[in-house]
Amino acid sequence: MEQQDNYYKGLFYGAALGAAVGTVMGLLFAPDKGRETQRIISGKLRRALDLATDKAAEFYDGDEEGQPYANEARTRSKEIIENARDEARKILDEANTILKDIKSQAKGQTRSQDT
């Protein structure tokens, strides 16, 4: 029985992490501006966290033995979401830096071709 509980716990964590990572990656490659993308990511991650928390509560609702797992799932979900949010911000910052460099280089090449 414990092995089955661990299986479902792992399945839940994997699904939550997969959803968070998939959401972040999908939004990172969307054509929105950096700040807008960060706002969208933040909202999506918040909704994913709420959904994961609700599902964990439903899964263990009324089960005294399962309550610690639900609490752990909430805590881990929040950690996963925060980590994903931090990584998304880092990636967006790097992408914005690269984009600025490319624009700067393109302007420099255009000016040198004009002369």
N, C-alpha and C. Protein backbone atom coordinates (compact mmCIF):
# COMPACT_ATOMS: atom_id res chain seq x y z
N MET A 1 0.82 -1.20 0.00
CA MET A 1 0.00 0.00 0.00
C MET A 1 0.87 1.26 0.00
N GLU A 2 1.94 1.23 0.79
CA GLU A 2 2.83 2.39 0.85
C GLU A 2 3.49 2.63 -0.50
N GLN A 3 3.83 1.54 -1.19
CA GLN A 3 4.45 1.67 -2.51
C GLN A 3 3.49 2.35 -3.49
N GLN A 4 2.21 1.99 -3.40
CA GLN A 4 1.21 2.61 -4.27
C GLN A 4 1.05 4.10 -3.94
N ASP A 5 1.07 4.44 -2.64
CA ASP A 5 0.98 5.84 -2.23
C ASP A 5 2.17 6.63 -2.77
N ASN A 6 3.35 6.04 -2.68
CA ASN A 6 4.55 6.71 -3.20
C ASN A 6 4.47 6.89 -4.71
N TYR A 7 3.87 5.90 -5.39
CA TYR A 7 3.70 5.99 -6.83
C TYR A 7 2.82 7.20 -7.18
N TYR A 8 1.68 7.32 -6.50
CA TYR A 8 0.77 8.43 -6.79
C TYR A 8 1.39 9.77 -6.40
N LYS A 9 2.14 9.77 -5.32
CA LYS A 9 2.80 10.99 -4.90
C LYS A 9 3.81 11.43 -5.96
N GLY A 10 4.60 10.48 -6.45
CA GLY A 10 5.56 10.79 -7.51
C GLY A 10 4.88 11.22 -8.79
N LEU A 11 3.78 10.57 -9.10
CA LEU A 11 3.02 10.92 -10.30
C LEU A 11 2.50 12.36 -10.20
N PHE A 12 2.00 12.70 -9.02
CA PHE A 12 1.50 14.06 -8.80
C PHE A 12 2.62 15.08 -8.97
N TYR A 13 3.75 14.84 -8.32
CA TYR A 13 4.88 15.77 -8.41
C TYR A 13 5.34 15.91 -9.86
N GLY A 14 5.42 14.79 -10.54
CA GLY A 14 5.85 14.82 -11.94
C GLY A 14 4.89 15.61 -12.82
N ALA A 15 3.60 15.41 -12.60
CA ALA A 15 2.60 16.13 -13.38
C ALA A 15 2.65 17.63 -13.09
N ALA A 16 2.79 17.98 -11.81
CA ALA A 16 2.86 19.40 -11.44
C ALA A 16 4.09 20.05 -12.04
N LEU A 17 5.22 19.38 -11.93
CA LEU A 17 6.46 19.92 -12.48
C LEU A 17 6.38 20.03 -14.01
N GLY A 18 5.84 18.99 -14.64
CA GLY A 18 5.70 19.00 -16.09
C GLY A 18 4.80 20.13 -16.57
N ALA A 19 3.70 20.34 -15.85
CA ALA A 19 2.79 21.43 -16.22
C ALA A 19 3.47 22.78 -16.07
N ALA A 20 4.20 22.95 -14.98
CA ALA A 20 4.87 24.23 -14.74
C ALA A 20 5.94 24.49 -15.80
N VAL A 21 6.76 23.49 -16.05
CA VAL A 21 7.84 23.66 -17.04
C VAL A 21 7.26 23.87 -18.43
N GLY A 22 6.23 23.11 -18.78
CA GLY A 22 5.60 23.27 -20.09
C GLY A 22 5.01 24.64 -20.28
N THR A 23 4.37 25.14 -19.24
CA THR A 23 3.79 26.48 -19.31
C THR A 23 4.86 27.53 -19.50
N VAL A 24 5.91 27.43 -18.71
CA VAL A 24 7.00 28.40 -18.80
C VAL A 24 7.64 28.35 -20.18
N MET A 25 7.95 27.18 -20.66
CA MET A 25 8.60 27.06 -21.97
C MET A 25 7.70 27.58 -23.09
N GLY A 26 6.42 27.27 -23.01
CA GLY A 26 5.49 27.75 -24.02
C GLY A 26 5.42 29.26 -24.06
N LEU A 27 5.41 29.86 -22.89
CA LEU A 27 5.33 31.32 -22.83
C LEU A 27 6.64 31.98 -23.22
N LEU A 28 7.75 31.33 -22.92
CA LEU A 28 9.04 31.92 -23.27
C LEU A 28 9.22 32.05 -24.77
N PHE A 29 8.62 31.14 -25.50
CA PHE A 29 8.77 31.18 -26.95
C PHE A 29 7.61 31.91 -27.63
N ALA A 30 6.73 32.49 -26.84
CA ALA A 30 5.62 33.27 -27.39
C ALA A 30 6.16 34.62 -27.86
N PRO A 31 5.47 35.25 -28.80
CA PRO A 31 6.00 36.50 -29.37
C PRO A 31 5.70 37.77 -28.57
N ASP A 32 5.38 37.66 -27.29
CA ASP A 32 5.10 38.84 -26.47
C ASP A 32 6.39 39.50 -26.01
N LYS A 33 6.27 40.74 -25.55
CA LYS A 33 7.42 41.47 -25.01
C LYS A 33 7.80 40.88 -23.66
N GLY A 34 9.02 41.14 -23.21
CA GLY A 34 9.56 40.56 -21.98
C GLY A 34 8.70 40.77 -20.75
N ARG A 35 8.32 42.00 -20.45
CA ARG A 35 7.53 42.28 -19.24
C ARG A 35 6.15 41.63 -19.34
N GLU A 36 5.56 41.68 -20.52
CA GLU A 36 4.25 41.06 -20.71
C GLU A 36 4.35 39.55 -20.52
N THR A 37 5.41 38.96 -21.05
CA THR A 37 5.62 37.52 -20.89
C THR A 37 5.81 37.18 -19.43
N GLN A 38 6.56 37.98 -18.70
CA GLN A 38 6.74 37.72 -17.27
C GLN A 38 5.42 37.79 -16.53
N ARG A 39 4.57 38.75 -16.89
CA ARG A 39 3.26 38.86 -16.25
C ARG A 39 2.41 37.64 -16.55
N ILE A 40 2.45 37.19 -17.79
CA ILE A 40 1.68 36.01 -18.18
C ILE A 40 2.20 34.78 -17.45
N ILE A 41 3.53 34.62 -17.41
CA ILE A 41 4.12 33.47 -16.72
C ILE A 41 3.71 33.48 -15.25
N SER A 42 3.78 34.62 -14.63
CA SER A 42 3.42 34.73 -13.22
C SER A 42 1.97 34.30 -12.99
N GLY A 43 1.07 34.77 -13.83
CA GLY A 43 -0.34 34.40 -13.70
C GLY A 43 -0.58 32.93 -13.94
N LYS A 44 0.05 32.40 -14.98
CA LYS A 44 -0.12 30.97 -15.29
C LYS A 44 0.44 30.10 -14.18
N LEU A 45 1.60 30.47 -13.66
CA LEU A 45 2.20 29.68 -12.58
C LEU A 45 1.34 29.74 -11.33
N ARG A 46 0.77 30.90 -11.05
CA ARG A 46 -0.10 31.03 -9.88
C ARG A 46 -1.33 30.13 -10.05
N ARG A 47 -1.92 30.11 -11.25
CA ARG A 47 -3.08 29.25 -11.49
C ARG A 47 -2.69 27.77 -11.41
N ALA A 48 -1.50 27.44 -11.93
CA ALA A 48 -1.04 26.05 -11.85
C ALA A 48 -0.84 25.63 -10.39
N LEU A 49 -0.30 26.52 -9.59
CA LEU A 49 -0.12 26.22 -8.17
C LEU A 49 -1.46 26.02 -7.49
N ASP A 50 -2.42 26.90 -7.78
CA ASP A 50 -3.75 26.76 -7.19
C ASP A 50 -4.39 25.44 -7.59
N LEU A 51 -4.27 25.08 -8.86
CA LEU A 51 -4.83 23.83 -9.35
C LEU A 51 -4.17 22.64 -8.68
N ALA A 52 -2.84 22.67 -8.60
CA ALA A 52 -2.12 21.56 -7.96
C ALA A 52 -2.51 21.43 -6.50
N THR A 53 -2.65 22.55 -5.82
CA THR A 53 -3.05 22.53 -4.41
C THR A 53 -4.45 21.97 -4.26
N ASP A 54 -5.37 22.41 -5.12
CA ASP A 54 -6.74 21.91 -5.05
C ASP A 54 -6.80 20.41 -5.32
N LYS A 55 -6.05 19.96 -6.32
CA LYS A 55 -6.06 18.53 -6.65
C LYS A 55 -5.47 17.70 -5.51
N ALA A 56 -4.42 18.20 -4.89
CA ALA A 56 -3.83 17.49 -3.76
C ALA A 56 -4.83 17.41 -2.61
N ALA A 57 -5.53 18.50 -2.37
CA ALA A 57 -6.53 18.51 -1.29
C ALA A 57 -7.67 17.54 -1.61
N GLU A 58 -8.12 17.52 -2.87
CA GLU A 58 -9.17 16.57 -3.27
C GLU A 58 -8.70 15.14 -3.11
N PHE A 59 -7.47 14.88 -3.51
CA PHE A 59 -6.93 13.53 -3.47
C PHE A 59 -6.87 12.99 -2.05
N TYR A 60 -6.50 13.85 -1.12
CA TYR A 60 -6.34 13.42 0.26
C TYR A 60 -7.47 13.89 1.17
N ASP A 61 -8.52 14.47 0.60
CA ASP A 61 -9.62 15.01 1.40
C ASP A 61 -10.25 13.93 2.26
N GLY A 62 -10.35 14.22 3.54
CA GLY A 62 -10.99 13.29 4.47
C GLY A 62 -10.12 12.14 4.89
N ASP A 63 -8.92 12.08 4.44
CA ASP A 63 -8.01 10.98 4.78
C ASP A 63 -6.98 11.51 5.76
N GLU A 64 -7.15 11.16 7.02
CA GLU A 64 -6.26 11.67 8.07
C GLU A 64 -4.80 11.29 7.77
N GLU A 65 -4.58 10.09 7.28
CA GLU A 65 -3.21 9.65 6.99
C GLU A 65 -2.64 10.39 5.78
N GLY A 66 -3.50 10.81 4.89
CA GLY A 66 -3.03 11.48 3.68
C GLY A 66 -2.80 12.97 3.84
N GLN A 67 -3.27 13.54 4.94
CA GLN A 67 -3.13 14.98 5.14
C GLN A 67 -1.67 15.45 5.10
N PRO A 68 -0.74 14.73 5.73
CA PRO A 68 0.66 15.17 5.61
C PRO A 68 1.15 15.21 4.16
N TYR A 69 0.66 14.26 3.33
CA TYR A 69 1.05 14.26 1.92
C TYR A 69 0.47 15.49 1.21
N ALA A 70 -0.76 15.85 1.56
CA ALA A 70 -1.37 17.03 0.94
C ALA A 70 -0.59 18.28 1.33
N ASN A 71 -0.21 18.38 2.59
CA ASN A 71 0.58 19.54 3.03
C ASN A 71 1.93 19.57 2.34
N GLU A 72 2.55 18.41 2.23
CA GLU A 72 3.84 18.33 1.55
C GLU A 72 3.69 18.70 0.08
N ALA A 73 2.60 18.24 -0.54
CA ALA A 73 2.36 18.56 -1.95
C ALA A 73 2.20 20.07 -2.14
N ARG A 74 1.49 20.71 -1.22
CA ARG A 74 1.32 22.17 -1.31
C ARG A 74 2.68 22.87 -1.21
N THR A 75 3.46 22.45 -0.23
CA THR A 75 4.76 23.07 -0.02
C THR A 75 5.67 22.85 -1.23
N ARG A 76 5.73 21.62 -1.70
CA ARG A 76 6.59 21.31 -2.84
C ARG A 76 6.12 22.03 -4.10
N SER A 77 4.80 22.12 -4.28
CA SER A 77 4.27 22.82 -5.45
C SER A 77 4.69 24.28 -5.44
N LYS A 78 4.60 24.91 -4.28
CA LYS A 78 5.02 26.31 -4.17
C LYS A 78 6.49 26.46 -4.49
N GLU A 79 7.31 25.53 -3.98
CA GLU A 79 8.75 25.58 -4.26
C GLU A 79 9.02 25.43 -5.75
N ILE A 80 8.34 24.48 -6.37
CA ILE A 80 8.54 24.22 -7.80
C ILE A 80 8.15 25.45 -8.61
N ILE A 81 7.02 26.04 -8.27
CA ILE A 81 6.55 27.22 -8.99
C ILE A 81 7.52 28.39 -8.82
N GLU A 82 7.99 28.61 -7.61
CA GLU A 82 8.94 29.70 -7.36
C GLU A 82 10.24 29.47 -8.13
N ASN A 83 10.73 28.23 -8.12
CA ASN A 83 11.95 27.92 -8.86
C ASN A 83 11.75 28.14 -10.36
N ALA A 84 10.61 27.69 -10.87
CA ALA A 84 10.32 27.87 -12.29
C ALA A 84 10.21 29.35 -12.63
N ARG A 85 9.58 30.12 -11.75
CA ARG A 85 9.44 31.56 -11.97
C ARG A 85 10.81 32.23 -12.00
N ASP A 86 11.67 31.86 -11.06
CA ASP A 86 13.02 32.44 -11.02
C ASP A 86 13.81 32.10 -12.28
N GLU A 87 13.72 30.84 -12.70
CA GLU A 87 14.43 30.42 -13.91
C GLU A 87 13.89 31.14 -15.13
N ALA A 88 12.57 31.31 -15.19
CA ALA A 88 11.97 32.02 -16.32
C ALA A 88 12.46 33.46 -16.37
N ARG A 89 12.56 34.10 -15.22
CA ARG A 89 13.06 35.48 -15.19
C ARG A 89 14.50 35.54 -15.68
N LYS A 90 15.32 34.58 -15.25
CA LYS A 90 16.72 34.55 -15.69
C LYS A 90 16.80 34.38 -17.21
N ILE A 91 16.01 33.46 -17.73
CA ILE A 91 16.02 33.20 -19.16
C ILE A 91 15.55 34.43 -19.93
N LEU A 92 14.49 35.07 -19.44
CA LEU A 92 14.00 36.28 -20.11
C LEU A 92 15.04 37.39 -20.08
N ASP A 93 15.70 37.56 -18.95
CA ASP A 93 16.75 38.58 -18.86
C ASP A 93 17.88 38.30 -19.85
N GLU A 94 18.30 37.04 -19.93
CA GLU A 94 19.35 36.67 -20.87
C GLU A 94 18.89 36.90 -22.31
N ALA A 95 17.65 36.52 -22.59
CA ALA A 95 17.12 36.70 -23.95
C ALA A 95 17.05 38.17 -24.31
N ASN A 96 16.62 39.00 -23.36
CA ASN A 96 16.57 40.45 -23.62
C ASN A 96 17.96 41.03 -23.85
N THR A 97 18.95 40.56 -23.10
CA THR A 97 20.33 41.02 -23.29
C THR A 97 20.84 40.63 -24.67
N ILE A 98 20.59 39.41 -25.06
CA ILE A 98 21.02 38.93 -26.38
C ILE A 98 20.32 39.73 -27.48
N LEU A 99 19.03 39.97 -27.30
CA LEU A 99 18.28 40.74 -28.30
C LEU A 99 18.83 42.15 -28.43
N LYS A 100 19.15 42.79 -27.31
CA LYS A 100 19.74 44.13 -27.35
C LYS A 100 21.08 44.12 -28.06
N ASP A 101 21.90 43.09 -27.79
CA ASP A 101 23.20 42.97 -28.46
C ASP A 101 23.02 42.82 -29.96
N ILE A 102 22.07 42.00 -30.35
CA ILE A 102 21.83 41.78 -31.78
C ILE A 102 21.37 43.07 -32.45
N LYS A 103 20.45 43.79 -31.79
CA LYS A 103 19.98 45.06 -32.35
C LYS A 103 21.12 46.06 -32.46
N SER A 104 21.96 46.10 -31.44
CA SER A 104 23.10 47.01 -31.44
C SER A 104 24.06 46.68 -32.57
N GLN A 105 24.34 45.41 -32.76
CA GLN A 105 25.24 44.99 -33.83
C GLN A 105 24.62 45.29 -35.20
N ALA A 106 23.32 45.07 -35.31
CA ALA A 106 22.65 45.33 -36.59
C ALA A 106 22.70 46.82 -36.92
N LYS A 107 22.50 47.68 -35.92
CA LYS A 107 22.59 49.12 -36.15
C LYS A 107 24.00 49.52 -36.57
N GLY A 108 25.00 48.92 -35.94
CA GLY A 108 26.39 49.22 -36.27
C GLY A 108 26.71 48.81 -37.69
N GLN A 109 26.22 47.67 -38.13
CA GLN A 109 26.47 47.21 -39.49
C GLN A 109 25.75 48.08 -40.51
N THR A 110 24.55 48.51 -40.16
CA THR A 110 23.78 49.37 -41.06
C THR A 110 24.49 50.70 -41.24
N ARG A 111 25.00 51.27 -40.16
CA ARG A 111 25.71 52.55 -40.24
C ARG A 111 26.98 52.43 -41.06
N SER A 112 27.72 51.34 -40.89
CA SER A 112 28.97 51.18 -41.63
C SER A 112 28.70 50.95 -43.11
N GLN A 113 27.56 50.36 -43.44
CA GLN A 113 27.22 50.15 -44.85
C GLN A 113 26.76 51.45 -45.50
N ASP A 114 26.18 52.35 -44.70
CA ASP A 114 25.70 53.63 -45.23
C ASP A 114 26.86 54.55 -45.61
N THR A 115 28.01 54.41 -44.97
CA THR A 115 29.12 55.33 -45.23
C THR A 115 29.98 54.91 -46.37
